[in-house]
């Protein structure tokens, strides 16, 4: 089983196979629009702009499981991200990252890189760094800012 065996629904409703990202370095993040960490969208966009031409992308998966901090529908989330942060990286439909309805992508990510205090996602903006072969290289806590991940991305590019 590999990350590339999964699919996910983009924010526009289009089902997408993650195989299309094979050969790219990925930063996969569960996001929210009304969280104290929401300004990290800016840092994620900056990483995306800085490295996209070298084979890097961010994959954002909005999630409303933490403090009801992603209450909007897919269209509202898209509008918020574009208007406030100029987000140009792929934004997926809202998912769950914990519990019985955990999206398969996050089940896989958590199984590959557990957390410090168990495998569950603890809050919004947990980040998973994936290499060009689809290996989950590292997991970063919500408080780890995108700019602090840049050296790790550089090594994989």
N, C-alpha and C. Protein backbone atom coordinates (compact mmCIF):
# COMPACT_ATOMS: atom_id res chain seq x y z
N UNK A 1 0.85 -1.18 0.00
CA UNK A 1 0.00 0.00 0.00
C UNK A 1 0.89 1.24 0.00
N UNK A 2 0.50 2.19 -0.82
CA UNK A 2 1.26 3.44 -0.93
C UNK A 2 0.29 4.61 -0.95
N UNK A 3 0.79 5.78 -0.67
CA UNK A 3 -0.03 6.99 -0.71
C UNK A 3 -0.70 7.13 -2.07
N UNK A 4 0.01 6.69 -3.11
CA UNK A 4 -0.50 6.84 -4.48
C UNK A 4 -1.66 5.91 -4.81
N UNK A 5 -1.99 4.99 -3.90
CA UNK A 5 -3.13 4.10 -4.11
C UNK A 5 -4.46 4.77 -3.72
N UNK A 6 -4.38 5.93 -3.09
CA UNK A 6 -5.59 6.60 -2.60
C UNK A 6 -6.08 7.67 -3.55
N UNK A 7 -7.35 8.04 -3.36
CA UNK A 7 -7.93 9.18 -4.06
C UNK A 7 -8.57 10.08 -3.02
N UNK A 8 -8.84 11.28 -3.43
CA UNK A 8 -9.53 12.25 -2.57
C UNK A 8 -10.31 13.19 -3.47
N UNK A 9 -11.32 13.80 -2.90
CA UNK A 9 -12.16 14.72 -3.66
C UNK A 9 -11.64 16.14 -3.49
N UNK A 10 -11.35 16.79 -4.61
CA UNK A 10 -10.94 18.18 -4.57
C UNK A 10 -12.11 19.05 -4.14
N UNK A 11 -11.80 20.26 -3.72
CA UNK A 11 -12.78 21.21 -3.25
C UNK A 11 -13.87 21.49 -4.29
N UNK A 12 -13.55 21.31 -5.57
CA UNK A 12 -14.53 21.55 -6.64
C UNK A 12 -15.39 20.31 -6.93
N UNK A 13 -15.22 19.25 -6.13
CA UNK A 13 -16.02 18.05 -6.29
C UNK A 13 -15.41 16.99 -7.18
N UNK A 14 -14.26 17.27 -7.79
CA UNK A 14 -13.61 16.32 -8.69
C UNK A 14 -12.79 15.30 -7.90
N UNK A 15 -13.08 14.03 -8.13
CA UNK A 15 -12.31 12.94 -7.51
C UNK A 15 -10.93 12.89 -8.15
N UNK A 16 -9.90 12.82 -7.34
CA UNK A 16 -8.53 12.88 -7.82
C UNK A 16 -7.70 11.75 -7.25
N UNK A 17 -6.99 11.05 -8.10
CA UNK A 17 -6.08 10.00 -7.66
C UNK A 17 -4.78 10.66 -7.21
N UNK A 18 -4.30 10.28 -6.04
CA UNK A 18 -3.05 10.88 -5.55
C UNK A 18 -1.85 10.43 -6.37
N UNK A 19 -2.04 9.42 -7.20
CA UNK A 19 -0.98 8.97 -8.11
C UNK A 19 -0.49 10.13 -8.98
N UNK A 20 -1.36 11.10 -9.25
CA UNK A 20 -0.95 12.24 -10.08
C UNK A 20 0.15 13.07 -9.42
N UNK A 21 0.36 12.89 -8.11
CA UNK A 21 1.41 13.62 -7.41
C UNK A 21 2.69 12.81 -7.26
N UNK A 22 2.71 11.63 -7.86
CA UNK A 22 3.91 10.79 -7.82
C UNK A 22 5.08 11.57 -8.40
N UNK A 23 6.22 11.49 -7.73
CA UNK A 23 7.41 12.21 -8.20
C UNK A 23 7.54 13.60 -7.60
N UNK A 24 6.56 14.03 -6.83
CA UNK A 24 6.61 15.35 -6.18
C UNK A 24 6.86 15.18 -4.69
N UNK A 25 7.45 16.18 -4.09
CA UNK A 25 7.54 16.27 -2.64
C UNK A 25 6.25 16.94 -2.18
N UNK A 26 5.61 16.34 -1.18
CA UNK A 26 4.30 16.82 -0.73
C UNK A 26 4.35 17.23 0.74
N UNK A 27 3.59 18.26 1.06
CA UNK A 27 3.31 18.60 2.44
C UNK A 27 1.79 18.52 2.57
N UNK A 28 1.32 17.51 3.30
CA UNK A 28 -0.12 17.27 3.44
C UNK A 28 -0.55 17.78 4.80
N UNK A 29 -1.57 18.64 4.81
CA UNK A 29 -1.95 19.37 6.02
C UNK A 29 -3.46 19.31 6.23
N UNK A 30 -3.89 19.09 7.49
CA UNK A 30 -5.31 19.28 7.81
C UNK A 30 -5.47 20.73 8.25
N UNK A 31 -6.38 21.43 7.62
CA UNK A 31 -6.48 22.88 7.80
C UNK A 31 -7.84 23.28 8.37
N UNK A 32 -7.93 24.54 8.80
CA UNK A 32 -9.17 25.12 9.29
C UNK A 32 -9.10 26.64 9.12
N UNK A 33 -10.23 27.25 8.85
CA UNK A 33 -10.29 28.68 8.55
C UNK A 33 -10.46 29.58 9.77
N UNK A 34 -10.84 29.01 10.90
CA UNK A 34 -11.13 29.84 12.07
C UNK A 34 -10.30 29.39 13.28
N UNK A 35 -9.06 29.10 13.03
CA UNK A 35 -8.15 28.54 14.04
C UNK A 35 -7.03 29.54 14.31
N UNK A 36 -6.45 29.46 15.49
CA UNK A 36 -5.30 30.31 15.79
C UNK A 36 -4.13 30.06 14.85
N UNK A 37 -4.10 28.88 14.24
CA UNK A 37 -3.02 28.55 13.30
C UNK A 37 -3.37 28.89 11.84
N UNK A 38 -4.58 29.40 11.60
CA UNK A 38 -5.02 29.70 10.23
C UNK A 38 -4.02 30.58 9.46
N UNK A 39 -3.36 31.55 10.10
CA UNK A 39 -2.37 32.35 9.35
C UNK A 39 -1.26 31.51 8.72
N UNK A 40 -1.12 30.23 9.12
CA UNK A 40 -0.13 29.37 8.47
C UNK A 40 -0.46 29.15 7.00
N UNK A 41 -1.70 29.41 6.59
CA UNK A 41 -2.01 29.35 5.15
C UNK A 41 -1.03 30.22 4.37
N UNK A 42 -0.68 31.37 4.92
CA UNK A 42 0.25 32.27 4.23
C UNK A 42 1.61 31.59 4.07
N UNK A 43 2.11 30.98 5.13
CA UNK A 43 3.40 30.29 5.06
C UNK A 43 3.35 29.09 4.12
N UNK A 44 2.23 28.38 4.11
CA UNK A 44 2.09 27.25 3.19
C UNK A 44 2.11 27.74 1.75
N UNK A 45 1.43 28.85 1.48
CA UNK A 45 1.42 29.42 0.13
C UNK A 45 2.82 29.87 -0.26
N UNK A 46 3.56 30.45 0.69
CA UNK A 46 4.93 30.89 0.39
C UNK A 46 5.83 29.70 0.05
N UNK A 47 5.69 28.60 0.80
CA UNK A 47 6.46 27.39 0.47
C UNK A 47 6.10 26.89 -0.92
N UNK A 48 4.81 26.87 -1.20
CA UNK A 48 4.32 26.40 -2.50
C UNK A 48 4.92 27.25 -3.63
N UNK A 49 4.85 28.56 -3.48
CA UNK A 49 5.40 29.46 -4.51
C UNK A 49 6.90 29.27 -4.69
N UNK A 50 7.58 29.11 -3.57
CA UNK A 50 9.05 29.00 -3.58
C UNK A 50 9.53 27.72 -4.25
N UNK A 51 8.79 26.60 -4.06
CA UNK A 51 9.30 25.31 -4.49
C UNK A 51 8.48 24.60 -5.57
N UNK A 52 7.36 25.17 -5.98
CA UNK A 52 6.48 24.45 -6.92
C UNK A 52 7.19 24.11 -8.24
N UNK A 53 8.07 24.96 -8.70
CA UNK A 53 8.76 24.71 -9.97
C UNK A 53 9.84 23.63 -9.83
N UNK A 54 10.12 23.23 -8.59
CA UNK A 54 11.11 22.18 -8.34
C UNK A 54 10.46 20.85 -7.98
N UNK A 55 9.13 20.78 -8.12
CA UNK A 55 8.45 19.51 -7.87
C UNK A 55 7.87 19.38 -6.47
N UNK A 56 7.37 20.46 -5.90
CA UNK A 56 6.78 20.45 -4.57
C UNK A 56 5.35 20.97 -4.64
N UNK A 57 4.49 20.41 -3.80
CA UNK A 57 3.17 21.00 -3.63
C UNK A 57 2.65 20.74 -2.22
N UNK A 58 1.70 21.56 -1.83
CA UNK A 58 0.98 21.42 -0.58
C UNK A 58 -0.37 20.82 -0.94
N UNK A 59 -0.85 19.88 -0.14
CA UNK A 59 -2.21 19.34 -0.28
C UNK A 59 -2.94 19.66 1.02
N UNK A 60 -3.95 20.51 0.94
CA UNK A 60 -4.69 20.94 2.13
C UNK A 60 -6.03 20.23 2.23
N UNK A 61 -6.27 19.67 3.40
CA UNK A 61 -7.50 18.95 3.68
C UNK A 61 -8.22 19.63 4.84
N UNK A 62 -9.19 20.49 4.55
CA UNK A 62 -9.95 21.14 5.62
C UNK A 62 -10.66 20.10 6.50
N UNK A 63 -10.72 20.41 7.79
CA UNK A 63 -11.30 19.49 8.77
C UNK A 63 -12.00 20.32 9.86
N UNK A 64 -13.17 19.86 10.27
CA UNK A 64 -13.96 20.59 11.28
C UNK A 64 -14.04 19.83 12.60
N UNK A 65 -13.08 18.97 12.88
CA UNK A 65 -13.15 18.13 14.08
C UNK A 65 -12.56 18.77 15.33
N UNK A 66 -11.97 19.93 15.23
CA UNK A 66 -11.31 20.55 16.37
C UNK A 66 -11.94 21.90 16.66
N UNK A 67 -12.80 21.94 17.65
CA UNK A 67 -13.41 23.20 18.08
C UNK A 67 -14.32 23.84 17.05
N UNK A 68 -14.85 23.06 16.11
CA UNK A 68 -15.75 23.58 15.05
C UNK A 68 -15.12 24.80 14.37
N UNK A 69 -13.82 24.66 14.03
CA UNK A 69 -13.07 25.78 13.46
C UNK A 69 -13.04 25.78 11.93
N UNK A 70 -13.78 24.87 11.32
CA UNK A 70 -13.94 24.88 9.86
C UNK A 70 -15.42 24.64 9.55
N UNK A 71 -16.27 25.63 9.91
CA UNK A 71 -17.71 25.45 9.78
C UNK A 71 -18.25 25.59 8.35
N UNK A 72 -17.49 26.19 7.46
CA UNK A 72 -17.99 26.49 6.12
C UNK A 72 -18.11 25.26 5.23
N UNK A 73 -18.85 25.46 4.12
CA UNK A 73 -18.90 24.41 3.10
C UNK A 73 -17.69 24.58 2.18
N UNK A 74 -17.53 23.65 1.24
CA UNK A 74 -16.35 23.66 0.38
C UNK A 74 -16.19 24.98 -0.38
N UNK A 75 -17.28 25.51 -0.87
CA UNK A 75 -17.22 26.76 -1.64
C UNK A 75 -16.77 27.93 -0.74
N UNK A 76 -17.31 27.99 0.48
CA UNK A 76 -16.93 29.05 1.41
C UNK A 76 -15.47 28.93 1.82
N UNK A 77 -15.01 27.71 2.03
CA UNK A 77 -13.61 27.48 2.40
C UNK A 77 -12.69 27.93 1.27
N UNK A 78 -13.03 27.54 0.04
CA UNK A 78 -12.23 27.95 -1.13
C UNK A 78 -12.14 29.47 -1.23
N UNK A 79 -13.29 30.12 -1.11
CA UNK A 79 -13.34 31.57 -1.20
C UNK A 79 -12.48 32.21 -0.11
N UNK A 80 -12.60 31.72 1.11
CA UNK A 80 -11.81 32.25 2.23
C UNK A 80 -10.31 32.12 1.95
N UNK A 81 -9.89 30.95 1.51
CA UNK A 81 -8.46 30.69 1.27
C UNK A 81 -7.91 31.54 0.14
N UNK A 82 -8.67 31.69 -0.93
CA UNK A 82 -8.21 32.50 -2.06
C UNK A 82 -8.18 33.98 -1.71
N UNK A 83 -9.25 34.45 -1.07
CA UNK A 83 -9.38 35.88 -0.75
C UNK A 83 -8.35 36.32 0.29
N UNK A 84 -8.20 35.55 1.34
CA UNK A 84 -7.35 35.98 2.45
C UNK A 84 -5.88 35.59 2.33
N UNK A 85 -5.60 34.50 1.61
CA UNK A 85 -4.22 34.01 1.56
C UNK A 85 -3.72 33.73 0.15
N UNK A 86 -4.53 33.94 -0.88
CA UNK A 86 -4.10 33.72 -2.25
C UNK A 86 -3.71 32.28 -2.53
N UNK A 87 -4.34 31.35 -1.82
CA UNK A 87 -3.97 29.93 -1.93
C UNK A 87 -4.09 29.43 -3.36
N UNK A 88 -2.99 28.86 -3.86
CA UNK A 88 -2.96 28.32 -5.22
C UNK A 88 -2.70 26.83 -5.24
N UNK A 89 -2.42 26.24 -4.09
CA UNK A 89 -2.17 24.80 -4.03
C UNK A 89 -3.50 24.05 -3.91
N UNK A 90 -3.50 22.75 -4.17
CA UNK A 90 -4.75 21.98 -4.14
C UNK A 90 -5.42 21.99 -2.76
N UNK A 91 -6.71 22.29 -2.81
CA UNK A 91 -7.55 22.31 -1.63
C UNK A 91 -8.61 21.23 -1.83
N UNK A 92 -8.72 20.34 -0.87
CA UNK A 92 -9.64 19.22 -0.98
C UNK A 92 -10.93 19.50 -0.22
N UNK A 93 -11.91 18.64 -0.44
CA UNK A 93 -13.17 18.74 0.30
C UNK A 93 -12.91 18.46 1.77
N UNK A 94 -13.79 18.99 2.60
CA UNK A 94 -13.67 18.81 4.04
C UNK A 94 -13.77 17.33 4.40
N UNK A 95 -12.89 16.90 5.29
CA UNK A 95 -12.81 15.49 5.69
C UNK A 95 -12.73 15.38 7.21
N UNK A 96 -12.70 14.14 7.69
CA UNK A 96 -12.39 13.86 9.09
C UNK A 96 -11.02 13.18 9.13
N UNK A 97 -10.25 13.53 10.15
CA UNK A 97 -8.89 12.98 10.29
C UNK A 97 -8.76 12.01 11.46
N UNK A 98 -9.79 11.92 12.27
CA UNK A 98 -9.83 11.01 13.43
C UNK A 98 -11.19 10.33 13.48
N UNK A 99 -11.25 9.23 14.20
CA UNK A 99 -12.52 8.56 14.44
C UNK A 99 -12.91 7.59 13.34
N UNK A 100 -14.14 7.08 13.42
CA UNK A 100 -14.59 6.04 12.49
C UNK A 100 -14.69 6.50 11.03
N UNK A 101 -14.83 7.79 10.80
CA UNK A 101 -14.94 8.31 9.43
C UNK A 101 -13.65 8.95 8.93
N UNK A 102 -12.53 8.57 9.54
CA UNK A 102 -11.24 9.11 9.10
C UNK A 102 -11.04 8.85 7.61
N UNK A 103 -10.65 9.89 6.90
CA UNK A 103 -10.37 9.74 5.47
C UNK A 103 -9.21 8.76 5.30
N UNK A 104 -9.29 7.86 4.30
CA UNK A 104 -8.22 6.87 4.09
C UNK A 104 -6.82 7.47 3.96
N UNK A 105 -6.70 8.65 3.37
CA UNK A 105 -5.38 9.28 3.24
C UNK A 105 -4.79 9.53 4.63
N UNK A 106 -5.60 10.02 5.54
CA UNK A 106 -5.10 10.31 6.89
C UNK A 106 -4.92 9.05 7.72
N UNK A 107 -5.71 8.02 7.47
CA UNK A 107 -5.46 6.72 8.13
C UNK A 107 -4.06 6.25 7.76
N UNK A 108 -3.77 6.35 6.46
CA UNK A 108 -2.46 5.91 5.96
C UNK A 108 -1.34 6.77 6.55
N UNK A 109 -1.47 8.08 6.49
CA UNK A 109 -0.43 8.97 7.00
C UNK A 109 -0.15 8.70 8.47
N UNK A 110 -1.20 8.55 9.26
CA UNK A 110 -1.03 8.30 10.70
C UNK A 110 -0.39 6.94 10.96
N UNK A 111 -0.70 5.96 10.11
CA UNK A 111 -0.09 4.64 10.30
C UNK A 111 1.40 4.67 9.96
N UNK A 112 1.79 5.55 9.06
CA UNK A 112 3.18 5.67 8.66
C UNK A 112 4.01 6.51 9.63
N UNK A 113 3.40 7.55 10.19
CA UNK A 113 4.10 8.44 11.12
C UNK A 113 3.16 8.79 12.27
N UNK A 114 3.28 8.02 13.34
CA UNK A 114 2.46 8.27 14.52
C UNK A 114 2.87 9.55 15.21
N UNK A 115 2.02 10.00 16.08
CA UNK A 115 2.31 11.22 16.83
C UNK A 115 3.09 10.92 18.10
N UNK A 116 3.47 11.97 18.77
CA UNK A 116 4.25 11.85 20.00
C UNK A 116 3.45 11.14 21.09
N UNK A 117 2.17 11.48 21.20
CA UNK A 117 1.31 10.90 22.24
C UNK A 117 0.19 10.08 21.59
N UNK A 118 0.54 9.18 20.71
CA UNK A 118 -0.46 8.39 20.00
C UNK A 118 -0.59 8.87 18.57
N UNK A 119 -1.27 8.07 17.76
CA UNK A 119 -1.32 8.37 16.33
C UNK A 119 -2.35 9.42 15.94
N UNK A 120 -3.35 9.65 16.77
CA UNK A 120 -4.41 10.59 16.41
C UNK A 120 -3.88 11.98 16.11
N UNK A 121 -4.60 12.67 15.25
CA UNK A 121 -4.28 14.08 14.96
C UNK A 121 -4.80 14.88 16.15
N UNK A 122 -3.95 15.73 16.72
CA UNK A 122 -4.32 16.46 17.93
C UNK A 122 -5.02 17.79 17.65
N UNK A 123 -4.72 18.41 16.49
CA UNK A 123 -5.32 19.72 16.20
C UNK A 123 -5.13 20.04 14.72
N UNK A 124 -5.70 21.15 14.32
CA UNK A 124 -5.57 21.64 12.95
C UNK A 124 -4.09 21.95 12.64
N UNK A 125 -3.75 21.85 11.37
CA UNK A 125 -2.43 22.18 10.84
C UNK A 125 -1.33 21.21 11.28
N UNK A 126 -1.71 19.95 11.47
CA UNK A 126 -0.72 18.89 11.58
C UNK A 126 -0.23 18.64 10.16
N UNK A 127 1.07 18.50 9.99
CA UNK A 127 1.65 18.43 8.64
C UNK A 127 2.45 17.14 8.46
N UNK A 128 2.31 16.54 7.29
CA UNK A 128 3.05 15.33 6.93
C UNK A 128 3.89 15.63 5.70
N UNK A 129 5.18 15.37 5.78
CA UNK A 129 6.10 15.59 4.66
C UNK A 129 6.33 14.25 3.97
N UNK A 130 6.11 14.24 2.65
CA UNK A 130 6.20 13.02 1.85
C UNK A 130 7.24 13.23 0.75
N UNK A 131 8.13 12.24 0.56
CA UNK A 131 9.16 12.37 -0.47
C UNK A 131 8.61 12.01 -1.86
N UNK A 132 9.46 12.12 -2.87
CA UNK A 132 9.06 11.90 -4.26
C UNK A 132 8.59 10.48 -4.54
N UNK A 133 8.97 9.55 -3.67
CA UNK A 133 8.56 8.14 -3.86
C UNK A 133 7.30 7.80 -3.07
N UNK A 134 6.75 8.78 -2.36
CA UNK A 134 5.53 8.55 -1.59
C UNK A 134 5.77 8.10 -0.16
N UNK A 135 7.02 8.13 0.30
CA UNK A 135 7.33 7.75 1.68
C UNK A 135 7.02 8.92 2.62
N UNK A 136 6.34 8.63 3.72
CA UNK A 136 6.06 9.66 4.72
C UNK A 136 7.33 9.83 5.55
N UNK A 137 7.98 10.97 5.37
CA UNK A 137 9.29 11.24 5.95
C UNK A 137 9.19 11.79 7.37
N UNK A 138 8.22 12.69 7.59
CA UNK A 138 8.13 13.31 8.90
C UNK A 138 6.72 13.81 9.15
N UNK A 139 6.45 14.05 10.42
CA UNK A 139 5.17 14.59 10.87
C UNK A 139 5.49 15.79 11.75
N UNK A 140 4.79 16.90 11.50
CA UNK A 140 5.07 18.12 12.24
C UNK A 140 3.82 18.56 13.01
N UNK A 141 4.03 19.01 14.23
CA UNK A 141 2.95 19.47 15.09
C UNK A 141 2.34 20.76 14.54
N UNK A 142 1.11 21.06 14.94
CA UNK A 142 0.44 22.27 14.46
C UNK A 142 1.25 23.55 14.68
N UNK A 143 1.95 23.64 15.80
CA UNK A 143 2.69 24.87 16.08
C UNK A 143 3.97 25.01 15.26
N UNK A 144 4.37 23.96 14.53
CA UNK A 144 5.54 24.07 13.65
C UNK A 144 5.14 24.89 12.43
N UNK A 145 5.74 26.05 12.29
CA UNK A 145 5.38 26.93 11.18
C UNK A 145 5.94 26.39 9.87
N UNK A 146 5.28 26.69 8.77
CA UNK A 146 5.77 26.21 7.47
C UNK A 146 7.22 26.59 7.19
N UNK A 147 7.62 27.78 7.54
CA UNK A 147 9.00 28.21 7.25
C UNK A 147 10.02 27.31 7.94
N UNK A 148 9.68 26.74 9.09
CA UNK A 148 10.60 25.85 9.79
C UNK A 148 10.74 24.50 9.09
N UNK A 149 9.82 24.21 8.17
CA UNK A 149 9.88 22.94 7.43
C UNK A 149 10.68 23.09 6.14
N UNK A 150 10.94 24.31 5.73
CA UNK A 150 11.65 24.58 4.46
C UNK A 150 12.97 23.80 4.33
N UNK A 151 13.83 23.74 5.36
CA UNK A 151 15.07 22.98 5.20
C UNK A 151 14.82 21.49 4.91
N UNK A 152 13.78 20.93 5.51
CA UNK A 152 13.46 19.52 5.27
C UNK A 152 12.97 19.31 3.83
N UNK A 153 12.21 20.28 3.33
CA UNK A 153 11.74 20.22 1.93
C UNK A 153 12.92 20.31 0.99
N UNK A 154 13.83 21.26 1.28
CA UNK A 154 15.04 21.45 0.46
C UNK A 154 15.81 20.14 0.29
N UNK A 155 15.97 19.40 1.40
CA UNK A 155 16.72 18.14 1.35
C UNK A 155 16.07 17.14 0.40
N UNK A 156 14.75 17.16 0.32
CA UNK A 156 14.04 16.19 -0.51
C UNK A 156 13.97 16.62 -1.97
N UNK A 157 14.15 17.89 -2.23
CA UNK A 157 14.12 18.38 -3.61
C UNK A 157 15.46 18.16 -4.27
